[in-house]
């Protein structure tokens, strides 16, 4: 079998396998809001820094111009992601079940795959399959709630929670013009969403039958990612990258929950980066990214339970703000076989204190990522990558707001911490 035929079959089989795994169950990645801090073990080991220092085919997901730097080959990876989410609220008059209540859905397996092909010295193409998530919780139905007239649970509807998964398939093309590389990557997306235990909000919905407990809903759409990579000197590189919103079809089964009758587009983002090699075996990286959550009504509209009903054009959302991310990373090429990496990233918190009640369902409040990892070159063609990330506890507190009644005087505290471990295999042709 020729190398080209082997590569083609590998790409097809790997993509089919990853697609099956991604579509088989719930995923979550509540880091920068609900964007990942990195889409490969290499990217995650530097806390997301490195768009100006592309090293693997998953550069398609962050800066497609980097395809011209990674050669021909593929990578396949899998992450064990463990987010721990809880809320706390004291006893007393209110709506939310009192006590410290923990979401029980804490461990997820998330795969990714990417392939790159050098066409000639100045052009390359690639394809990547990866995911996002994070608006995910699962609170038990037996939680005692004195406010419930005939039941229990966080919101008086028994078991309560939401699950959002997003899968992206992105073909890409990059071309070099002197010391500048430009990359373009159309993005095709599939979203899956479900919500349950929210029946108490029915009187506030424009479509109560499409608010909760309708099983999994699907949404489809597309957008575009572009990037540029400038090599100023052999040791200094700059990057610029960004993505349009990904315009999605509506979640018709939940048009009574999300603003604008079930609309849930994926926000745009832009970023810049720099990579510098202070020595032949060292690289340091600095990146900045801005995520435009405020442009998506169903995410950004305040959740104050006043005015327009859920699901209407200006109905309540989750009250998320834009997120700014700064990441720093370093890489040490110890010898021809071993490379060590580490990184730290800080992002602003998208949830304000006035929106904590509804965000019990989506407590994406974490702000710091501490990462480390390594690559081990098994031979000239195979490399094993590993990354581990710790996301420390972070909390946001604010007033409880009862639907239709306003503040109760109680305070809700949302908290989260996370672990993430990613293992990947890269193969160069």
Protein backbone atom coordinates (compact mmCIF):
# COMPACT_ATOMS: atom_id res chain seq x y z
CA UNK A 1 0.00 0.00 0.00
CA UNK A 2 1.43 3.41 -0.89
CA UNK A 3 1.99 6.03 1.77
CA UNK A 4 -0.62 8.31 0.17
CA UNK A 5 -3.27 5.56 0.20
CA UNK A 6 -2.40 4.73 3.81
CA UNK A 7 -2.76 8.39 4.77
CA UNK A 8 -6.13 8.66 3.04
CA UNK A 9 -7.52 5.56 4.71
CA UNK A 10 -6.20 6.69 8.09
CA UNK A 11 -7.93 10.05 7.76
CA UNK A 12 -11.27 8.48 6.81
CA UNK A 13 -11.20 5.83 9.55
CA UNK A 14 -10.06 8.27 12.24
CA UNK A 15 -12.69 10.86 11.34
CA UNK A 16 -15.45 8.27 11.32
CA UNK A 17 -14.34 6.94 14.70
CA UNK A 18 -14.09 10.38 16.28
CA UNK A 19 -17.45 11.46 14.85
CA UNK A 20 -19.09 8.37 16.32
CA UNK A 21 -17.56 8.98 19.76
CA UNK A 22 -18.36 12.70 19.75
CA UNK A 23 -21.96 12.05 18.83
CA UNK A 24 -22.42 9.20 21.29
CA UNK A 25 -22.73 11.07 24.55
CA UNK A 26 -22.57 14.34 26.50
CA UNK A 27 -19.50 16.54 26.43
CA UNK A 28 -18.44 19.60 28.39
CA UNK A 29 -15.56 22.03 28.35
CA UNK A 30 -16.44 24.99 30.59
CA UNK A 31 -13.14 26.86 30.57
CA UNK A 32 -13.11 30.25 28.79
CA UNK A 33 -16.86 30.51 29.22
CA UNK A 34 -17.51 27.36 27.22
CA UNK A 35 -14.59 27.59 24.77
CA UNK A 36 -11.59 25.33 25.22
CA UNK A 37 -8.22 26.77 26.20
CA UNK A 38 -6.63 24.40 23.66
CA UNK A 39 -7.73 21.77 21.15
CA UNK A 40 -4.73 19.43 21.27
CA UNK A 41 -2.33 18.16 23.92
CA UNK A 42 0.34 20.55 22.66
CA UNK A 43 -1.98 23.58 22.82
CA UNK A 44 -3.37 22.60 26.23
CA UNK A 45 0.08 22.06 27.76
CA UNK A 46 0.85 25.78 27.25
CA UNK A 47 -2.62 26.86 28.52
CA UNK A 48 -3.64 27.89 25.00
CA UNK A 49 -0.62 30.05 24.19
CA UNK A 50 1.12 29.34 20.88
CA UNK A 51 -0.95 30.54 17.91
CA UNK A 52 2.33 32.06 16.65
CA UNK A 53 4.18 28.77 17.27
CA UNK A 54 2.16 26.07 15.45
CA UNK A 55 3.39 22.51 16.08
CA UNK A 56 0.55 20.19 15.10
CA UNK A 57 -2.32 19.89 12.64
CA UNK A 58 -4.84 21.09 15.24
CA UNK A 59 -3.61 24.60 14.40
CA UNK A 60 -6.63 24.51 12.05
CA UNK A 61 -8.81 25.20 15.11
CA UNK A 62 -6.87 28.27 16.24
CA UNK A 63 -4.78 29.69 13.36
CA UNK A 64 -5.03 27.83 10.02
CA UNK A 65 -2.01 29.74 8.67
CA UNK A 66 0.07 27.44 10.87
CA UNK A 67 -0.51 24.52 8.50
CA UNK A 68 2.58 25.57 6.56
CA UNK A 69 4.71 24.88 9.66
CA UNK A 70 3.58 21.39 10.68
CA UNK A 71 4.37 19.11 7.72
CA UNK A 72 2.27 16.20 6.47
CA UNK A 73 0.70 13.91 9.04
CA UNK A 74 -2.19 13.36 11.41
CA UNK A 75 -2.90 13.39 15.12
CA UNK A 76 -5.56 11.72 17.20
CA UNK A 77 -6.17 12.60 20.83
CA UNK A 78 -8.50 11.99 23.72
CA UNK A 79 -9.16 14.07 26.84
CA UNK A 80 -10.47 13.12 30.25
CA UNK A 81 -12.24 16.25 31.44
CA UNK A 82 -13.52 16.55 35.02
CA UNK A 83 -15.40 19.74 35.97
CA UNK A 84 -16.77 19.98 39.53
CA UNK A 85 -19.69 22.40 39.93
CA UNK A 86 -21.81 23.35 42.91
CA UNK A 87 -23.97 26.10 44.32
CA UNK A 88 -24.68 27.16 47.89
CA UNK A 89 -27.68 29.02 49.27
CA UNK A 90 -28.76 29.44 52.93
CA UNK A 91 -32.13 28.33 54.36
CA UNK A 92 -35.03 30.75 54.32
CA UNK A 93 -37.73 31.99 51.99
CA UNK A 94 -36.86 31.48 48.35
CA UNK A 95 -37.21 29.35 45.25
CA UNK A 96 -33.94 27.44 44.89
CA UNK A 97 -33.33 24.36 47.06
CA UNK A 98 -31.17 25.40 50.05
CA UNK A 99 -27.82 23.96 51.06
CA UNK A 100 -24.63 23.16 49.17
CA UNK A 101 -25.68 21.17 46.12
CA UNK A 102 -23.22 19.51 43.72
CA UNK A 103 -23.75 18.56 40.10
CA UNK A 104 -23.23 14.81 39.73
CA UNK A 105 -22.07 14.79 36.08
CA UNK A 106 -18.31 15.18 36.51
CA UNK A 107 -16.32 13.02 34.07
CA UNK A 108 -16.25 13.24 30.28
CA UNK A 109 -14.19 11.72 27.49
CA UNK A 110 -13.64 14.09 24.55
CA UNK A 111 -11.77 13.09 21.36
CA UNK A 112 -10.17 15.19 18.62
CA UNK A 113 -8.54 14.54 15.26
CA UNK A 114 -6.59 16.58 12.70
CA UNK A 115 -4.75 15.96 9.42
CA UNK A 116 -2.37 18.21 7.48
CA UNK A 117 -0.96 17.82 3.96
CA UNK A 118 1.80 19.92 2.43
CA UNK A 119 0.95 20.64 -1.22
CA UNK A 120 4.23 22.35 -2.08
CA UNK A 121 6.74 24.69 -0.43
CA UNK A 122 4.19 27.51 -0.25
CA UNK A 123 0.80 25.85 0.28
CA UNK A 124 -0.89 23.26 2.47
CA UNK A 125 -4.34 21.95 3.35
CA UNK A 126 -5.79 20.22 6.36
CA UNK A 127 -8.90 19.17 8.23
CA UNK A 128 -9.78 19.03 11.93
CA UNK A 129 -12.57 17.56 14.04
CA UNK A 130 -12.95 18.96 17.55
CA UNK A 131 -15.53 20.12 20.09
CA UNK A 132 -16.69 22.72 22.62
CA UNK A 133 -19.14 22.58 25.46
CA UNK A 134 -19.56 23.61 29.04
CA UNK A 135 -23.15 24.62 29.72
CA UNK A 136 -23.62 21.30 31.44
CA UNK A 137 -25.03 20.32 34.86
CA UNK A 138 -26.98 17.46 36.44
CA UNK A 139 -28.61 18.03 39.83
CA UNK A 140 -30.37 15.11 41.53
CA UNK A 141 -34.16 15.08 41.75
CA UNK A 142 -34.41 14.09 45.41
CA UNK A 143 -32.95 17.34 46.80
CA UNK A 144 -35.34 18.62 49.48
CA UNK A 145 -36.86 21.99 48.61
CA UNK A 146 -39.33 23.58 51.07
CA UNK A 147 -40.52 25.98 48.35
CA UNK A 148 -41.97 23.19 46.21
CA UNK A 149 -45.74 22.67 46.53
CA UNK A 150 -45.59 19.03 45.46
CA UNK A 151 -42.06 18.01 44.65
CA UNK A 152 -38.37 18.47 45.21
CA UNK A 153 -35.26 19.42 43.25
CA UNK A 154 -33.25 22.56 42.63
CA UNK A 155 -36.09 24.27 40.73
CA UNK A 156 -39.05 22.27 42.06
CA UNK A 157 -39.06 20.06 38.97
CA UNK A 158 -37.14 17.03 40.21
CA UNK A 159 -33.89 16.21 38.44
CA UNK A 160 -32.62 19.39 36.76
CA UNK A 161 -29.84 20.34 34.39
CA UNK A 162 -28.77 21.17 30.86
CA UNK A 163 -26.35 19.61 28.39
CA UNK A 164 -24.77 21.45 25.45
CA UNK A 165 -22.33 19.78 23.06
CA UNK A 166 -20.76 21.33 19.97
CA UNK A 167 -18.84 19.47 17.26
CA UNK A 168 -16.84 21.22 14.53
CA UNK A 169 -15.49 19.91 11.24
CA UNK A 170 -13.11 22.37 9.60
CA UNK A 171 -11.31 21.89 6.26
CA UNK A 172 -8.59 24.47 5.68
CA UNK A 173 -6.08 25.90 3.21
CA UNK A 174 -2.94 27.97 3.82
CA UNK A 175 -0.57 29.78 1.49
CA UNK A 176 2.73 31.61 2.01
CA UNK A 177 3.51 35.04 0.52
CA UNK A 178 7.11 35.81 1.37
CA UNK A 179 7.41 35.86 5.16
CA UNK A 180 3.62 35.95 5.68
CA UNK A 181 1.35 32.90 5.70
CA UNK A 182 -2.44 33.23 5.34
CA UNK A 183 -4.91 30.49 6.27
CA UNK A 184 -8.65 30.07 5.70
CA UNK A 185 -10.82 27.43 7.40
CA UNK A 186 -14.57 27.11 6.83
CA UNK A 187 -16.23 25.72 9.96
CA UNK A 188 -19.20 23.34 9.88
CA UNK A 189 -20.89 22.84 13.24
CA UNK A 190 -23.41 20.56 14.92
CA UNK A 191 -24.93 21.38 18.31
CA UNK A 192 -26.84 19.08 20.64
CA UNK A 193 -28.82 20.43 23.59
CA UNK A 194 -31.20 19.17 26.24
CA UNK A 195 -32.76 20.69 29.37
CA UNK A 196 -34.86 19.13 32.11
CA UNK A 197 -36.44 20.01 35.45
CA UNK A 198 -37.34 23.61 34.50
CA UNK A 199 -41.13 23.30 34.58
CA UNK A 200 -41.44 26.00 37.24
CA UNK A 201 -40.44 28.55 34.59
CA UNK A 202 -43.36 27.59 32.31
CA UNK A 203 -45.59 30.56 33.29
CA UNK A 204 -42.74 32.84 32.15
CA UNK A 205 -42.23 31.18 28.75
CA UNK A 206 -43.58 32.22 25.36
CA UNK A 207 -43.88 28.51 24.50
CA UNK A 208 -44.20 26.39 27.67
CA UNK A 209 -44.33 23.11 25.73
CA UNK A 210 -40.91 23.91 24.23
CA UNK A 211 -39.18 24.94 27.44
CA UNK A 212 -37.95 21.76 29.12
CA UNK A 213 -37.92 17.95 29.13
CA UNK A 214 -38.05 17.59 25.34
CA UNK A 215 -35.03 15.33 24.95
CA UNK A 216 -32.04 16.11 22.75
CA UNK A 217 -32.39 18.82 20.11
CA UNK A 218 -30.05 19.30 17.14
CA UNK A 219 -28.81 22.46 15.45
CA UNK A 220 -26.60 22.91 12.37
CA UNK A 221 -24.63 25.78 10.90
CA UNK A 222 -21.38 27.23 9.65
CA UNK A 223 -18.88 30.07 9.81
CA UNK A 224 -15.32 30.94 8.86
CA UNK A 225 -11.95 31.09 10.64
CA UNK A 226 -8.98 33.00 9.17
CA UNK A 227 -5.44 33.52 10.37
CA UNK A 228 -2.06 34.99 9.51
CA UNK A 229 1.45 34.16 10.65
CA UNK A 230 4.31 36.65 10.22
CA UNK A 231 7.93 35.53 10.57
CA UNK A 232 9.79 38.74 11.43
CA UNK A 233 13.10 36.94 12.04
CA UNK A 234 14.02 33.25 12.35
CA UNK A 235 13.40 33.58 16.12
CA UNK A 236 10.40 35.96 16.28
CA UNK A 237 6.88 35.29 15.00
CA UNK A 238 3.52 37.06 15.27
CA UNK A 239 0.01 35.75 14.66
CA UNK A 240 -3.44 37.22 14.09
CA UNK A 241 -6.52 35.02 13.93
CA UNK A 242 -10.26 35.21 14.27
CA UNK A 243 -13.56 33.53 13.55
CA UNK A 244 -16.92 34.87 12.46
CA UNK A 245 -19.99 33.88 14.45
CA UNK A 246 -21.13 30.40 13.52
CA UNK A 247 -24.72 30.92 12.41
CA UNK A 248 -26.84 27.98 13.58
CA UNK A 249 -30.35 26.74 12.94
CA UNK A 250 -32.65 27.15 15.93
CA UNK A 251 -33.34 24.65 18.71
CA UNK A 252 -37.03 24.26 17.90
CA UNK A 253 -37.61 21.89 20.83
CA UNK A 254 -36.41 24.67 23.16
CA UNK A 255 -37.81 27.76 21.48
CA UNK A 256 -39.61 28.52 24.75
CA UNK A 257 -36.27 28.69 26.62
CA UNK A 258 -33.70 30.45 24.43
CA UNK A 259 -34.18 34.05 23.33
CA UNK A 260 -35.34 34.69 19.77
CA UNK A 261 -37.37 31.46 19.63
CA UNK A 262 -34.58 28.95 20.14
CA UNK A 263 -31.67 30.80 18.54
CA UNK A 264 -28.23 29.76 19.81
CA UNK A 265 -25.42 30.93 17.51
CA UNK A 266 -21.77 30.37 18.46
CA UNK A 267 -19.93 33.64 19.21
CA UNK A 268 -17.12 35.15 17.17
CA UNK A 269 -13.61 35.48 18.56
CA UNK A 270 -10.36 37.26 17.66
CA UNK A 271 -6.81 36.86 18.91
CA UNK A 272 -3.17 37.83 18.53
CA UNK A 273 0.01 36.05 19.57
CA UNK A 274 3.78 36.26 19.65
CA UNK A 275 6.43 33.53 19.90
CA UNK A 276 10.11 34.15 20.57
CA UNK A 277 13.04 31.75 20.67
CA UNK A 278 15.52 33.23 23.19
CA UNK A 279 17.77 30.18 22.68
CA UNK A 280 17.87 27.33 20.14
CA UNK A 281 16.10 24.96 22.54
CA UNK A 282 13.60 27.42 24.11
CA UNK A 283 10.39 29.14 22.94
CA UNK A 284 8.24 31.52 24.97
CA UNK A 285 4.72 32.48 23.87
CA UNK A 286 2.13 35.12 24.71
CA UNK A 287 -1.45 35.18 23.38
CA UNK A 288 -4.54 37.34 23.78
CA UNK A 289 -8.08 36.36 22.78
CA UNK A 290 -11.50 38.06 22.94
CA UNK A 291 -14.75 36.05 22.78
CA UNK A 292 -17.91 37.96 21.81
CA UNK A 293 -20.53 36.27 24.02
CA UNK A 294 -22.44 39.57 24.22
CA UNK A 295 -23.45 39.27 20.55
CA UNK A 296 -25.55 36.15 21.22
CA UNK A 297 -28.92 37.09 22.77
CA UNK A 298 -29.66 33.68 24.26
CA UNK A 299 -26.33 33.81 26.11
CA UNK A 300 -25.96 37.49 26.94
CA UNK A 301 -29.45 38.88 27.70
CA UNK A 302 -29.77 39.42 31.48
CA UNK A 303 -31.63 36.68 33.34
CA UNK A 304 -33.63 39.02 35.59
CA UNK A 305 -36.99 37.31 34.91
CA UNK A 306 -38.69 40.61 34.09
CA UNK A 307 -40.15 42.04 30.91
CA UNK A 308 -40.28 39.72 27.90
CA UNK A 309 -40.91 35.99 28.45
CA UNK A 310 -38.41 33.21 27.89
CA UNK A 311 -38.09 32.38 24.19
CA UNK A 312 -39.24 35.76 22.91
CA UNK A 313 -37.05 38.03 20.79
CA UNK A 314 -35.71 39.84 23.87
CA UNK A 315 -36.37 37.14 26.41
CA UNK A 316 -34.07 36.32 29.35
CA UNK A 317 -30.73 34.67 28.69
CA UNK A 318 -27.81 33.77 30.95
CA UNK A 319 -26.40 37.29 31.21
CA UNK A 320 -22.91 36.37 30.02
CA UNK A 321 -20.41 39.11 29.18
CA UNK A 322 -17.55 39.03 26.66
CA UNK A 323 -14.47 37.14 27.82
CA UNK A 324 -10.85 38.31 27.51
CA UNK A 325 -8.09 35.69 27.74
CA UNK A 326 -4.34 36.17 28.27
CA UNK A 327 -2.11 33.07 28.06
CA UNK A 328 1.63 32.66 28.53
CA UNK A 329 3.57 29.51 27.77
CA UNK A 330 7.08 28.13 27.46
CA UNK A 331 8.63 25.16 25.68
CA UNK A 332 11.99 23.50 26.37
CA UNK A 333 13.36 21.06 23.79
CA UNK A 334 15.44 18.99 26.17
CA UNK A 335 16.92 16.70 23.51
CA UNK A 336 15.82 15.25 20.13
CA UNK A 337 13.30 12.98 21.88
CA UNK A 338 11.85 15.03 24.74
CA UNK A 339 10.06 18.40 24.81
CA UNK A 340 8.65 19.90 28.01
CA UNK A 341 5.97 22.60 28.15
CA UNK A 342 4.11 24.69 30.72
CA UNK A 343 1.63 27.55 30.68
CA UNK A 344 -0.76 29.77 32.58
CA UNK A 345 -3.89 31.55 31.34
CA UNK A 346 -6.29 33.98 32.93
CA UNK A 347 -9.71 34.84 31.54
CA UNK A 348 -12.36 37.24 32.75
CA UNK A 349 -15.46 35.70 34.28
CA UNK A 350 -18.53 35.93 32.00
CA UNK A 351 -21.13 35.74 34.81
CA UNK A 352 -22.04 38.75 36.92
CA UNK A 353 -23.50 38.56 40.43
CA UNK A 354 -26.95 39.62 39.21
CA UNK A 355 -27.30 36.49 37.03
CA UNK A 356 -26.36 33.69 39.42
CA UNK A 357 -29.85 32.16 39.81
CA UNK A 358 -30.27 30.90 36.24
CA UNK A 359 -26.55 30.19 35.94
CA UNK A 360 -26.89 27.40 38.48
CA UNK A 361 -27.51 25.54 35.21
CA UNK A 362 -24.31 26.85 33.57
CA UNK A 363 -21.80 27.97 36.22
CA UNK A 364 -18.91 28.75 33.87
CA UNK A 365 -17.15 30.93 36.44
CA UNK A 366 -13.55 29.63 36.37
CA UNK A 367 -10.82 32.10 35.46
CA UNK A 368 -7.38 30.47 35.76
CA UNK A 369 -5.65 27.58 33.97
CA UNK A 370 -2.36 26.04 35.08
CA UNK A 371 -1.00 23.59 32.51
CA UNK A 372 2.01 21.40 31.83
CA UNK A 373 2.88 18.59 29.46
CA UNK A 374 5.44 16.88 27.29
CA UNK A 375 6.09 15.35 23.89
CA UNK A 376 8.11 12.18 23.42
CA UNK A 377 9.36 11.39 19.93
CA UNK A 378 9.19 7.61 19.71
CA UNK A 379 10.88 7.54 16.31
CA UNK A 380 11.17 9.73 13.20
CA UNK A 381 7.45 9.43 12.49
CA UNK A 382 5.61 8.90 15.81
CA UNK A 383 5.27 11.34 18.71
CA UNK A 384 3.30 10.97 21.94
CA UNK A 385 1.91 14.17 23.49
CA UNK A 386 0.49 14.59 27.00
CA UNK A 387 -1.03 17.58 28.81
CA UNK A 388 -2.49 18.11 32.24
CA UNK A 389 -4.45 21.18 33.35
CA UNK A 390 -5.64 22.26 36.78
CA UNK A 391 -8.31 24.95 37.03
CA UNK A 392 -8.58 26.20 40.63
CA UNK A 393 -11.81 26.88 42.50
CA UNK A 394 -13.48 30.15 41.57
CA UNK A 395 -16.80 31.48 42.85
CA UNK A 396 -19.35 34.18 42.08
CA UNK A 397 -22.04 35.25 44.55
CA UNK A 398 -25.21 37.26 44.03
CA UNK A 399 -28.86 37.65 44.99
CA UNK A 400 -31.40 34.90 44.41
CA UNK A 401 -34.20 36.10 42.11
CA UNK A 402 -37.57 34.31 42.24
CA UNK A 403 -39.46 34.21 38.92
CA UNK A 404 -42.10 36.91 38.96
CA UNK A 405 -41.25 38.08 42.50
CA UNK A 406 -37.72 39.46 42.34
CA UNK A 407 -34.96 39.19 44.97
CA UNK A 408 -35.64 37.08 48.07
CA UNK A 409 -32.85 38.36 50.27
CA UNK A 410 -30.86 35.14 50.04
CA UNK A 411 -27.46 34.92 48.35
CA UNK A 412 -26.46 32.21 45.88
CA UNK A 413 -22.81 31.23 45.48
CA UNK A 414 -21.69 29.43 42.30
CA UNK A 415 -18.39 27.54 42.39
CA UNK A 416 -16.33 25.38 40.05
CA UNK A 417 -12.93 23.73 39.68
CA UNK A 418 -11.62 21.37 36.97
CA UNK A 419 -9.03 18.82 35.92
CA UNK A 420 -8.16 17.96 32.33
CA UNK A 421 -5.78 15.29 31.00
CA UNK A 422 -5.13 14.83 27.28
CA UNK A 423 -3.15 12.11 25.51
CA UNK A 424 -2.44 12.24 21.76
CA UNK A 425 -0.49 10.45 19.06
CA UNK A 426 1.04 12.28 16.11
CA UNK A 427 2.26 10.53 12.97
CA UNK A 428 4.36 12.23 10.28
CA UNK A 429 4.41 10.91 6.70
